[in-house]
């Protein structure tokens, strides 16, 4: 989301260097991935297209700090209510359209 940023602190031998990847336009987000010894931080569009990417050797990365944009509860609730109303099937209020969430880490097979 616009304003999200990731801060990367890298060991540069005798000093450290700090880099930032920021989602600076509406509809953009920042994604992080660690693959085969490489830390990759990318700014991505809504459709999934990569705008820019920063790559670092994982053994040189000292810290990777994600700074999400503070979101207010009211705006989140309004977005969910407006979005959920259009997706419900059936005319009855509370007619089984809601799927209860489960806490992270809970086994889905249980």
PDB file of N, CA and C in Angstrom:
ATOM      1  N   UNK A   1       0.839  -1.169   0.000  1.00  0.00           N
ATOM      2  CA  UNK A   1       0.000   0.000   0.000  1.00  0.00           C
ATOM      3  C   UNK A   1       0.891   1.241   0.000  1.00  0.00           C
ATOM      4  N   UNK A   2       0.423   2.302  -0.608  1.00  0.00           N
ATOM      5  CA  UNK A   2       1.216   3.524  -0.711  1.00  0.00           C
ATOM      6  C   UNK A   2       1.735   3.948   0.658  1.00  0.00           C
ATOM      7  N   UNK A   3       3.034   4.210   0.720  1.00  0.00           N
ATOM      8  CA  UNK A   3       3.665   4.632   1.967  1.00  0.00           C
ATOM      9  C   UNK A   3       4.363   3.515   2.709  1.00  0.00           C
ATOM     10  N   UNK A   4       4.035   2.260   2.396  1.00  0.00           N
ATOM     11  CA  UNK A   4       4.761   1.146   3.012  1.00  0.00           C
ATOM     12  C   UNK A   4       6.224   1.237   2.607  1.00  0.00           C
ATOM     13  N   UNK A   5       7.113   0.880   3.527  1.00  0.00           N
ATOM     14  CA  UNK A   5       8.529   0.894   3.180  1.00  0.00           C
ATOM     15  C   UNK A   5       9.255  -0.214   3.913  1.00  0.00           C
ATOM     16  N   UNK A   6      10.366  -0.641   3.326  1.00  0.00           N
ATOM     17  CA  UNK A   6      11.217  -1.651   3.919  1.00  0.00           C
ATOM     18  C   UNK A   6      12.610  -1.053   4.001  1.00  0.00           C
ATOM     19  N   UNK A   7      13.218  -1.176   5.168  1.00  0.00           N
ATOM     20  CA  UNK A   7      14.555  -0.655   5.423  1.00  0.00           C
ATOM     21  C   UNK A   7      15.499  -1.848   5.538  1.00  0.00           C
ATOM     22  N   UNK A   8      16.603  -1.803   4.786  1.00  0.00           N
ATOM     23  CA  UNK A   8      17.569  -2.896   4.773  1.00  0.00           C
ATOM     24  C   UNK A   8      18.909  -2.360   5.250  1.00  0.00           C
ATOM     25  N   UNK A   9      19.485  -2.984   6.281  1.00  0.00           N
ATOM     26  CA  UNK A   9      20.801  -2.600   6.788  1.00  0.00           C
ATOM     27  C   UNK A   9      21.775  -3.689   6.367  1.00  0.00           C
ATOM     28  N   UNK A  10      22.841  -3.275   5.662  1.00  0.00           N
ATOM     29  CA  UNK A  10      23.783  -4.215   5.063  1.00  0.00           C
ATOM     30  C   UNK A  10      25.185  -3.954   5.595  1.00  0.00           C
ATOM     31  N   UNK A  11      25.916  -5.030   5.878  1.00  0.00           N
ATOM     32  CA  UNK A  11      27.318  -4.936   6.286  1.00  0.00           C
ATOM     33  C   UNK A  11      28.162  -4.627   5.051  1.00  0.00           C
ATOM     34  N   UNK A  12      28.898  -3.510   5.099  1.00  0.00           N
ATOM     35  CA  UNK A  12      29.726  -3.110   3.963  1.00  0.00           C
ATOM     36  C   UNK A  12      31.205  -3.124   4.354  1.00  0.00           C
ATOM     37  N   UNK A  13      31.623  -4.153   5.070  1.00  0.00           N
ATOM     38  CA  UNK A  13      33.020  -4.258   5.494  1.00  0.00           C
ATOM     39  C   UNK A  13      33.256  -3.522   6.799  1.00  0.00           C
ATOM     40  N   UNK A  14      33.821  -2.316   6.731  1.00  0.00           N
ATOM     41  CA  UNK A  14      34.129  -1.563   7.942  1.00  0.00           C
ATOM     42  C   UNK A  14      32.970  -0.696   8.419  1.00  0.00           C
ATOM     43  N   UNK A  15      31.874  -0.647   7.700  1.00  0.00           N
ATOM     44  CA  UNK A  15      30.721   0.186   8.057  1.00  0.00           C
ATOM     45  C   UNK A  15      29.430  -0.528   7.662  1.00  0.00           C
ATOM     46  N   UNK A  16      28.312   0.107   7.938  1.00  0.00           N
ATOM     47  CA  UNK A  16      27.021  -0.423   7.499  1.00  0.00           C
ATOM     48  C   UNK A  16      26.376   0.590   6.562  1.00  0.00           C
ATOM     49  N   UNK A  17      25.564   0.075   5.664  1.00  0.00           N
ATOM     50  CA  UNK A  17      24.808   0.935   4.752  1.00  0.00           C
ATOM     51  C   UNK A  17      23.332   0.609   4.912  1.00  0.00           C
ATOM     52  N   UNK A  18      22.520   1.659   4.821  1.00  0.00           N
ATOM     53  CA  UNK A  18      21.077   1.493   4.954  1.00  0.00           C
ATOM     54  C   UNK A  18      20.404   1.853   3.639  1.00  0.00           C
ATOM     55  N   UNK A  19      19.530   0.986   3.186  1.00  0.00           N
ATOM     56  CA  UNK A  19      18.777   1.210   1.959  1.00  0.00           C
ATOM     57  C   UNK A  19      17.296   1.158   2.292  1.00  0.00           C
ATOM     58  N   UNK A  20      16.476   1.858   1.502  1.00  0.00           N
ATOM     59  CA  UNK A  20      15.027   1.841   1.680  1.00  0.00           C
ATOM     60  C   UNK A  20      14.350   1.582   0.341  1.00  0.00           C
ATOM     61  N   UNK A  21      13.319   0.769   0.374  1.00  0.00           N
ATOM     62  CA  UNK A  21      12.450   0.580  -0.780  1.00  0.00           C
ATOM     63  C   UNK A  21      11.076   1.036  -0.322  1.00  0.00           C
ATOM     64  N   UNK A  22      10.500   2.014  -1.039  1.00  0.00           N
ATOM     65  CA  UNK A  22       9.248   2.643  -0.618  1.00  0.00           C
ATOM     66  C   UNK A  22       8.202   2.484  -1.718  1.00  0.00           C
ATOM     67  N   UNK A  23       6.980   2.136  -1.313  1.00  0.00           N
ATOM     68  CA  UNK A  23       5.845   2.130  -2.246  1.00  0.00           C
ATOM     69  C   UNK A  23       5.325   3.563  -2.293  1.00  0.00           C
ATOM     70  N   UNK A  24       5.731   4.312  -3.315  1.00  0.00           N
ATOM     71  CA  UNK A  24       5.463   5.746  -3.316  1.00  0.00           C
ATOM     72  C   UNK A  24       4.261   6.178  -4.142  1.00  0.00           C
ATOM     73  N   UNK A  25       3.595   5.257  -4.810  1.00  0.00           N
ATOM     74  CA  UNK A  25       2.410   5.618  -5.579  1.00  0.00           C
ATOM     75  C   UNK A  25       1.229   4.768  -5.135  1.00  0.00           C
ATOM     76  N   UNK A  26       0.020   5.266  -5.380  1.00  0.00           N
ATOM     77  CA  UNK A  26      -1.191   4.549  -4.983  1.00  0.00           C
ATOM     78  C   UNK A  26      -1.252   3.191  -5.674  1.00  0.00           C
ATOM     79  N   UNK A  27      -1.638   2.170  -4.931  1.00  0.00           N
ATOM     80  CA  UNK A  27      -1.786   0.834  -5.483  1.00  0.00           C
ATOM     81  C   UNK A  27      -0.513   0.015  -5.498  1.00  0.00           C
ATOM     82  N   UNK A  28       0.573   0.583  -5.037  1.00  0.00           N
ATOM     83  CA  UNK A  28       1.838  -0.156  -5.004  1.00  0.00           C
ATOM     84  C   UNK A  28       2.045  -0.758  -3.629  1.00  0.00           C
ATOM     85  N   UNK A  29       2.813  -1.845  -3.588  1.00  0.00           N
ATOM     86  CA  UNK A  29       3.147  -2.483  -2.318  1.00  0.00           C
ATOM     87  C   UNK A  29       4.606  -2.933  -2.381  1.00  0.00           C
ATOM     88  N   UNK A  30       5.159  -3.259  -1.228  1.00  0.00           N
ATOM     89  CA  UNK A  30       6.536  -3.723  -1.149  1.00  0.00           C
ATOM     90  C   UNK A  30       6.518  -5.180  -0.701  1.00  0.00           C
ATOM     91  N   UNK A  31       7.212  -6.037  -1.438  1.00  0.00           N
ATOM     92  CA  UNK A  31       7.284  -7.459  -1.113  1.00  0.00           C
ATOM     93  C   UNK A  31       8.730  -7.846  -0.840  1.00  0.00           C
ATOM     94  N   UNK A  32       8.924  -8.752   0.118  1.00  0.00           N
ATOM     95  CA  UNK A  32      10.266  -9.247   0.426  1.00  0.00           C
ATOM     96  C   UNK A  32      10.307 -10.749   0.194  1.00  0.00           C
ATOM     97  N   UNK A  33      11.476 -11.237  -0.237  1.00  0.00           N
ATOM     98  CA  UNK A  33      11.657 -12.667  -0.452  1.00  0.00           C
ATOM     99  C   UNK A  33      13.117 -13.016  -0.171  1.00  0.00           C
ATOM    100  N   UNK A  34      13.316 -14.203   0.399  1.00  0.00           N
ATOM    101  CA  UNK A  34      14.666 -14.711   0.617  1.00  0.00           C
ATOM    102  C   UNK A  34      14.762 -16.011  -0.164  1.00  0.00           C
ATOM    103  N   UNK A  35      15.644 -16.006  -1.177  1.00  0.00           N
ATOM    104  CA  UNK A  35      15.797 -17.180  -2.037  1.00  0.00           C
ATOM    105  C   UNK A  35      17.270 -17.447  -2.291  1.00  0.00           C
ATOM    106  N   UNK A  36      17.691 -18.657  -2.068  1.00  0.00           N
ATOM    107  CA  UNK A  36      19.037 -19.124  -2.417  1.00  0.00           C
ATOM    108  C   UNK A  36      20.140 -18.165  -1.983  1.00  0.00           C
ATOM    109  N   UNK A  37      20.048 -17.688  -0.756  1.00  0.00           N
ATOM    110  CA  UNK A  37      21.094 -16.830  -0.229  1.00  0.00           C
ATOM    111  C   UNK A  37      21.016 -15.384  -0.664  1.00  0.00           C
ATOM    112  N   UNK A  38      19.892 -14.983  -1.271  1.00  0.00           N
ATOM    113  CA  UNK A  38      19.709 -13.608  -1.722  1.00  0.00           C
ATOM    114  C   UNK A  38      18.429 -13.048  -1.115  1.00  0.00           C
ATOM    115  N   UNK A  39      18.518 -11.848  -0.532  1.00  0.00           N
ATOM    116  CA  UNK A  39      17.345 -11.140  -0.023  1.00  0.00           C
ATOM    117  C   UNK A  39      16.906 -10.193  -1.127  1.00  0.00           C
ATOM    118  N   UNK A  40      15.632 -10.288  -1.508  1.00  0.00           N
ATOM    119  CA  UNK A  40      15.102  -9.479  -2.607  1.00  0.00           C
ATOM    120  C   UNK A  40      13.922  -8.666  -2.091  1.00  0.00           C
ATOM    121  N   UNK A  41      13.972  -7.360  -2.270  1.00  0.00           N
ATOM    122  CA  UNK A  41      12.893  -6.465  -1.863  1.00  0.00           C
ATOM    123  C   UNK A  41      12.403  -5.759  -3.120  1.00  0.00           C
ATOM    124  N   UNK A  42      11.100  -5.885  -3.431  1.00  0.00           N
ATOM    125  CA  UNK A  42      10.563  -5.351  -4.683  1.00  0.00           C
ATOM    126  C   UNK A  42       9.363  -4.455  -4.437  1.00  0.00           C
ATOM    127  N   UNK A  43       9.267  -3.401  -5.240  1.00  0.00           N
ATOM    128  CA  UNK A  43       8.057  -2.581  -5.282  1.00  0.00           C
ATOM    129  C   UNK A  43       7.206  -3.138  -6.409  1.00  0.00           C
ATOM    130  N   UNK A  44       5.939  -3.473  -6.099  1.00  0.00           N
ATOM    131  CA  UNK A  44       5.087  -4.198  -7.029  1.00  0.00           C
ATOM    132  C   UNK A  44       3.795  -3.423  -7.252  1.00  0.00           C
ATOM    133  N   UNK A  45       3.273  -3.452  -8.496  1.00  0.00           N
ATOM    134  CA  UNK A  45       2.009  -2.803  -8.819  1.00  0.00           C
ATOM    135  C   UNK A  45       0.841  -3.698  -8.417  1.00  0.00           C
ATOM    136  N   UNK A  46      -0.366  -3.178  -8.554  1.00  0.00           N
ATOM    137  CA  UNK A  46      -1.567  -3.966  -8.236  1.00  0.00           C
ATOM    138  C   UNK A  46      -1.640  -5.247  -9.054  1.00  0.00           C
ATOM    139  N   UNK A  47      -1.244  -5.153 -10.317  1.00  0.00           N
ATOM    140  CA  UNK A  47      -1.354  -6.315 -11.202  1.00  0.00           C
ATOM    141  C   UNK A  47      -0.200  -7.297 -11.041  1.00  0.00           C
ATOM    142  N   UNK A  48       0.773  -6.960 -10.193  1.00  0.00           N
ATOM    143  CA  UNK A  48       1.872  -7.876  -9.929  1.00  0.00           C
ATOM    144  C   UNK A  48       3.149  -7.564 -10.688  1.00  0.00           C
ATOM    145  N   UNK A  49       3.142  -6.498 -11.471  1.00  0.00           N
ATOM    146  CA  UNK A  49       4.349  -6.119 -12.208  1.00  0.00           C
ATOM    147  C   UNK A  49       5.381  -5.499 -11.273  1.00  0.00           C
ATOM    148  N   UNK A  50       6.624  -5.907 -11.419  1.00  0.00           N
ATOM    149  CA  UNK A  50       7.689  -5.397 -10.559  1.00  0.00           C
ATOM    150  C   UNK A  50       8.177  -4.065 -11.118  1.00  0.00           C
ATOM    151  N   UNK A  51       8.192  -3.026 -10.271  1.00  0.00           N
ATOM    152  CA  UNK A  51       8.634  -1.694 -10.674  1.00  0.00           C
ATOM    153  C   UNK A  51      10.133  -1.560 -10.459  1.00  0.00           C
ATOM    154  N   UNK A  52      10.611  -1.933  -9.281  1.00  0.00           N
ATOM    155  CA  UNK A  52      12.049  -1.908  -8.988  1.00  0.00           C
ATOM    156  C   UNK A  52      12.349  -2.990  -7.964  1.00  0.00           C
ATOM    157  N   UNK A  53      13.581  -3.454  -7.984  1.00  0.00           N
ATOM    158  CA  UNK A  53      14.007  -4.528  -7.094  1.00  0.00           C
ATOM    159  C   UNK A  53      15.374  -4.206  -6.518  1.00  0.00           C
ATOM    160  N   UNK A  54      15.544  -4.491  -5.239  1.00  0.00           N
ATOM    161  CA  UNK A  54      16.853  -4.377  -4.583  1.00  0.00           C
ATOM    162  C   UNK A  54      17.239  -5.776  -4.129  1.00  0.00           C
ATOM    163  N   UNK A  55      18.467  -6.204  -4.476  1.00  0.00           N
ATOM    164  CA  UNK A  55      18.939  -7.542  -4.107  1.00  0.00           C
ATOM    165  C   UNK A  55      20.216  -7.417  -3.287  1.00  0.00           C
ATOM    166  N   UNK A  56      20.287  -8.240  -2.235  1.00  0.00           N
ATOM    167  CA  UNK A  56      21.439  -8.237  -1.336  1.00  0.00           C
ATOM    168  C   UNK A  56      21.801  -9.669  -0.999  1.00  0.00           C
ATOM    169  N   UNK A  57      23.082  -9.933  -0.789  1.00  0.00           N
ATOM    170  CA  UNK A  57      23.512 -11.241  -0.319  1.00  0.00           C
ATOM    171  C   UNK A  57      23.016 -11.423   1.115  1.00  0.00           C
ATOM    172  N   UNK A  58      22.351 -12.533   1.379  1.00  0.00           N
ATOM    173  CA  UNK A  58      21.726 -12.751   2.682  1.00  0.00           C
ATOM    174  C   UNK A  58      22.735 -12.734   3.823  1.00  0.00           C
ATOM    175  N   UNK A  59      23.952 -13.210   3.606  1.00  0.00           N
ATOM    176  CA  UNK A  59      24.922 -13.234   4.696  1.00  0.00           C
ATOM    177  C   UNK A  59      25.474 -11.838   5.012  1.00  0.00           C
ATOM    178  N   UNK A  60      25.177 -10.843   4.190  1.00  0.00           N
ATOM    179  CA  UNK A  60      25.594  -9.459   4.451  1.00  0.00           C
ATOM    180  C   UNK A  60      24.476  -8.607   5.064  1.00  0.00           C
ATOM    181  N   UNK A  61      23.237  -9.105   5.042  1.00  0.00           N
ATOM    182  CA  UNK A  61      22.099  -8.340   5.580  1.00  0.00           C
ATOM    183  C   UNK A  61      22.087  -8.466   7.095  1.00  0.00           C
ATOM    184  N   UNK A  62      22.164  -7.319   7.771  1.00  0.00           N
ATOM    185  CA  UNK A  62      22.129  -7.294   9.235  1.00  0.00           C
ATOM    186  C   UNK A  62      20.709  -7.158   9.760  1.00  0.00           C
ATOM    187  N   UNK A  63      19.881  -6.373   9.062  1.00  0.00           N
ATOM    188  CA  UNK A  63      18.505  -6.159   9.505  1.00  0.00           C
ATOM    189  C   UNK A  63      17.621  -5.862   8.303  1.00  0.00           C
ATOM    190  N   UNK A  64      16.386  -6.339   8.373  1.00  0.00           N
ATOM    191  CA  UNK A  64      15.371  -6.057   7.369  1.00  0.00           C
ATOM    192  C   UNK A  64      14.140  -5.633   8.153  1.00  0.00           C
ATOM    193  N   UNK A  65      13.798  -4.355   8.079  1.00  0.00           N
ATOM    194  CA  UNK A  65      12.719  -3.805   8.899  1.00  0.00           C
ATOM    195  C   UNK A  65      11.591  -3.337   7.996  1.00  0.00           C
ATOM    196  N   UNK A  66      10.397  -3.881   8.222  1.00  0.00           N
ATOM    197  CA  UNK A  66       9.220  -3.472   7.453  1.00  0.00           C
ATOM    198  C   UNK A  66       8.471  -2.401   8.228  1.00  0.00           C
ATOM    199  N   UNK A  67       8.127  -1.307   7.534  1.00  0.00           N
ATOM    200  CA  UNK A  67       7.386  -0.201   8.131  1.00  0.00           C
ATOM    201  C   UNK A  67       6.068  -0.039   7.381  1.00  0.00           C
ATOM    202  N   UNK A  68       4.994  -0.710   7.819  1.00  0.00           N
ATOM    203  CA  UNK A  68       3.709  -0.537   7.140  1.00  0.00           C
ATOM    204  C   UNK A  68       3.101   0.816   7.465  1.00  0.00           C
ATOM    205  N   UNK A  69       2.249   1.301   6.568  1.00  0.00           N
ATOM    206  CA  UNK A  69       1.543   2.556   6.797  1.00  0.00           C
ATOM    207  C   UNK A  69       0.522   2.321   7.899  1.00  0.00           C
ATOM    208  N   UNK A  70       0.451   3.217   8.887  1.00  0.00           N
ATOM    209  CA  UNK A  70      -0.575   3.051   9.925  1.00  0.00           C
ATOM    210  C   UNK A  70      -1.964   3.143   9.312  1.00  0.00           C
ATOM    211  N   UNK A  71      -2.784   2.172   9.591  1.00  0.00           N
ATOM    212  CA  UNK A  71      -4.151   2.158   9.076  1.00  0.00           C
ATOM    213  C   UNK A  71      -5.118   2.336  10.239  1.00  0.00           C
ATOM    214  N   UNK A  72      -6.158   3.122  10.033  1.00  0.00           N
ATOM    215  CA  UNK A  72      -7.133   3.351  11.093  1.00  0.00           C
ATOM    216  C   UNK A  72      -8.176   2.251  11.073  1.00  0.00           C
ATOM    217  N   UNK A  73      -8.700   1.919  12.237  1.00  0.00           N
ATOM    218  CA  UNK A  73      -9.699   0.847  12.327  1.00  0.00           C
ATOM    219  C   UNK A  73     -10.963   1.200  11.572  1.00  0.00           C
ATOM    220  N   UNK A  74     -11.397   2.458  11.635  1.00  0.00           N
ATOM    221  CA  UNK A  74     -12.641   2.853  10.981  1.00  0.00           C
ATOM    222  C   UNK A  74     -12.563   2.636   9.477  1.00  0.00           C
ATOM    223  N   UNK A  75     -11.458   3.040   8.850  1.00  0.00           N
ATOM    224  CA  UNK A  75     -11.350   2.876   7.400  1.00  0.00           C
ATOM    225  C   UNK A  75     -11.287   1.400   7.031  1.00  0.00           C
ATOM    226  N   UNK A  76     -10.651   0.570   7.847  1.00  0.00           N
ATOM    227  CA  UNK A  76     -10.600  -0.859   7.565  1.00  0.00           C
ATOM    228  C   UNK A  76     -11.982  -1.481   7.675  1.00  0.00           C
ATOM    229  N   UNK A  77     -12.733  -1.101   8.706  1.00  0.00           N
ATOM    230  CA  UNK A  77     -14.082  -1.654   8.871  1.00  0.00           C
ATOM    231  C   UNK A  77     -14.979  -1.261   7.716  1.00  0.00           C
ATOM    232  N   UNK A  78     -14.942   0.022   7.314  1.00  0.00           N
ATOM    233  CA  UNK A  78     -15.789   0.479   6.223  1.00  0.00           C
ATOM    234  C   UNK A  78     -15.467  -0.278   4.945  1.00  0.00           C
ATOM    235  N   UNK A  79     -14.176  -0.504   4.675  1.00  0.00           N
ATOM    236  CA  UNK A  79     -13.769  -1.228   3.476  1.00  0.00           C
ATOM    237  C   UNK A  79     -14.270  -2.651   3.477  1.00  0.00           C
ATOM    238  N   UNK A  80     -14.210  -3.318   4.622  1.00  0.00           N
ATOM    239  CA  UNK A  80     -14.668  -4.704   4.707  1.00  0.00           C
ATOM    240  C   UNK A  80     -16.173  -4.793   4.540  1.00  0.00           C
ATOM    241  N   UNK A  81     -16.898  -3.899   5.184  1.00  0.00           N
ATOM    242  CA  UNK A  81     -18.360  -3.948   5.115  1.00  0.00           C
ATOM    243  C   UNK A  81     -18.813  -3.686   3.689  1.00  0.00           C
ATOM    244  N   UNK A  82     -18.239  -2.673   3.037  1.00  0.00           N
ATOM    245  CA  UNK A  82     -18.637  -2.341   1.678  1.00  0.00           C
ATOM    246  C   UNK A  82     -18.278  -3.482   0.727  1.00  0.00           C
ATOM    247  N   UNK A  83     -17.098  -4.078   0.903  1.00  0.00           N
ATOM    248  CA  UNK A  83     -16.673  -5.159   0.022  1.00  0.00           C
ATOM    249  C   UNK A  83     -17.450  -6.434   0.262  1.00  0.00           C
ATOM    250  N   UNK A  84     -17.776  -6.734   1.510  1.00  0.00           N
ATOM    251  CA  UNK A  84     -18.466  -7.978   1.832  1.00  0.00           C
ATOM    252  C   UNK A  84     -19.915  -7.950   1.362  1.00  0.00           C
ATOM    253  N   UNK A  85     -20.555  -6.773   1.368  1.00  0.00           N
ATOM    254  CA  UNK A  85     -21.958  -6.685   0.989  1.00  0.00           C
ATOM    255  C   UNK A  85     -22.154  -7.072  -0.474  1.00  0.00           C
ATOM    256  N   UNK A  86     -21.225  -6.733  -1.332  1.00  0.00           N
ATOM    257  CA  UNK A  86     -21.353  -7.044  -2.743  1.00  0.00           C
ATOM    258  C   UNK A  86     -21.085  -8.502  -3.065  1.00  0.00           C
ATOM    259  N   UNK A  87     -20.422  -9.227  -2.191  1.00  0.00           N
ATOM    260  CA  UNK A  87     -20.054 -10.605  -2.487  1.00  0.00           C
ATOM    261  C   UNK A  87     -21.016 -11.620  -1.901  1.00  0.00           C
ATOM    262  N   UNK A  88     -21.870 -11.213  -1.000  1.00  0.00           N
ATOM    263  CA  UNK A  88     -22.787 -12.167  -0.375  1.00  0.00           C
ATOM    264  C   UNK A  88     -23.810 -12.664  -1.369  1.00  0.00           C
ATOM    265  N   UNK A  89     -24.116 -13.932  -1.269  1.00  0.00           N
ATOM    266  CA  UNK A  89     -25.184 -14.479  -2.091  1.00  0.00           C
ATOM    267  C   UNK A  89     -26.396 -14.700  -1.204  1.00  0.00           C
ATOM    268  N   UNK A  90     -27.556 -14.601  -1.786  1.00  0.00           N
ATOM    269  CA  UNK A  90     -28.781 -14.748  -1.001  1.00  0.00           C
ATOM    270  C   UNK A  90     -29.207 -13.412  -0.443  1.00  0.00           C
ATOM    271  N   UNK A  91     -30.490 -13.282  -0.129  1.00  0.00           N
ATOM    272  CA  UNK A  91     -31.004 -12.005   0.322  1.00  0.00           C
ATOM    273  C   UNK A  91     -31.090 -11.867   1.820  1.00  0.00           C
ATOM    274  N   UNK A  92     -30.992 -12.954   2.566  1.00  0.00           N
ATOM    275  CA  UNK A  92     -31.159 -12.884   4.010  1.00  0.00           C
ATOM    276  C   UNK A  92     -29.914 -12.289   4.658  1.00  0.00           C
ATOM    277  N   UNK A  93     -30.145 -11.448   5.645  1.00  0.00           N
ATOM    278  CA  UNK A  93     -29.018 -10.861   6.370  1.00  0.00           C
ATOM    279  C   UNK A  93     -28.358 -11.938   7.204  1.00  0.00           C
ATOM    280  N   UNK A  94     -27.051 -12.043   7.110  1.00  0.00           N
ATOM    281  CA  UNK A  94     -26.319 -13.053   7.875  1.00  0.00           C
ATOM    282  C   UNK A  94     -26.627 -14.457   7.404  1.00  0.00           C
ATOM    283  N   UNK A  95     -26.972 -14.607   6.150  1.00  0.00           N
ATOM    284  CA  UNK A  95     -27.385 -15.896   5.619  1.00  0.00           C
ATOM    285  C   UNK A  95     -26.231 -16.800   5.228  1.00  0.00           C
ATOM    286  N   UNK A  96     -25.245 -16.950   6.072  1.00  0.00           N
ATOM    287  CA  UNK A  96     -24.178 -17.891   5.805  1.00  0.00           C
ATOM    288  C   UNK A  96     -23.106 -17.378   4.859  1.00  0.00           C
ATOM    289  N   UNK A  97     -23.131 -16.088   4.514  1.00  0.00           N
ATOM    290  CA  UNK A  97     -22.126 -15.543   3.614  1.00  0.00           C
ATOM    291  C   UNK A  97     -20.799 -15.283   4.290  1.00  0.00           C
ATOM    292  N   UNK A  98     -20.810 -15.199   5.614  1.00  0.00           N
ATOM    293  CA  UNK A  98     -19.575 -14.902   6.344  1.00  0.00           C
ATOM    294  C   UNK A  98     -18.835 -16.186   6.688  1.00  0.00           C
ATOM    295  N   UNK A  99     -17.547 -16.186   6.467  1.00  0.00           N
ATOM    296  CA  UNK A  99     -16.720 -17.339   6.830  1.00  0.00           C
ATOM    297  C   UNK A  99     -15.876 -16.914   8.015  1.00  0.00           C
ATOM    298  N   UNK A 100     -16.015 -17.585   9.158  1.00  0.00           N
ATOM    299  CA  UNK A 100     -15.227 -17.170  10.324  1.00  0.00           C
ATOM    300  C   UNK A 100     -13.751 -17.417  10.095  1.00  0.00           C
ATOM    301  N   UNK A 101     -12.936 -16.495  10.591  1.00  0.00           N
ATOM    302  CA  UNK A 101     -11.488 -16.647  10.477  1.00  0.00           C
ATOM    303  C   UNK A 101     -10.955 -17.588  11.535  1.00  0.00           C
ATOM    304  N   UNK A 102      -9.719 -17.986  11.385  1.00  0.00           N
ATOM    305  CA  UNK A 102      -9.076 -18.817  12.405  1.00  0.00           C
ATOM    306  C   UNK A 102      -7.737 -18.199  12.718  1.00  0.00           C
ATOM    307  N   UNK A 103      -7.258 -18.372  13.928  1.00  0.00           N
ATOM    308  CA  UNK A 103      -5.979 -17.785  14.304  1.00  0.00           C
ATOM    309  C   UNK A 103      -4.839 -18.391  13.503  1.00  0.00           C
ATOM    310  N   UNK A 104      -3.786 -17.602  13.305  1.00  0.00           N
ATOM    311  CA  UNK A 104      -2.624 -18.096  12.590  1.00  0.00           C
ATOM    312  C   UNK A 104      -2.003 -19.258  13.364  1.00  0.00           C
ATOM    313  N   UNK A 105      -1.499 -20.213  12.653  1.00  0.00           N
ATOM    314  CA  UNK A 105      -0.840 -21.340  13.273  1.00  0.00           C
ATOM    315  C   UNK A 105      -1.781 -22.489  13.618  1.00  0.00           C
ATOM    316  N   UNK A 106      -3.079 -22.276  13.512  1.00  0.00           N
ATOM    317  CA  UNK A 106      -4.020 -23.347  13.808  1.00  0.00           C
ATOM    318  C   UNK A 106      -4.054 -24.321  12.645  1.00  0.00           C
ATOM    319  N   UNK A 107      -4.098 -25.607  12.935  1.00  0.00           N
ATOM    320  CA  UNK A 107      -4.109 -26.632  11.910  1.00  0.00           C
ATOM    321  C   UNK A 107      -5.448 -26.640  11.204  1.00  0.00           C
ATOM    322  N   UNK A 108      -5.488 -26.443   9.871  1.00  0.00           N
ATOM    323  CA  UNK A 108      -6.771 -26.409   9.166  1.00  0.00           C
ATOM    324  C   UNK A 108      -7.482 -27.755   9.145  1.00  0.00           C
ATOM    325  N   UNK A 109      -6.742 -28.851   9.339  1.00  0.00           N
ATOM    326  CA  UNK A 109      -7.359 -30.175   9.326  1.00  0.00           C
ATOM    327  C   UNK A 109      -8.037 -30.537  10.635  1.00  0.00           C
ATOM    328  N   UNK A 110      -7.786 -29.769  11.700  1.00  0.00           N
ATOM    329  CA  UNK A 110      -8.340 -30.111  13.014  1.00  0.00           C
ATOM    330  C   UNK A 110      -9.778 -29.687  13.123  1.00  0.00           C
TER     331      UNK A 110
END
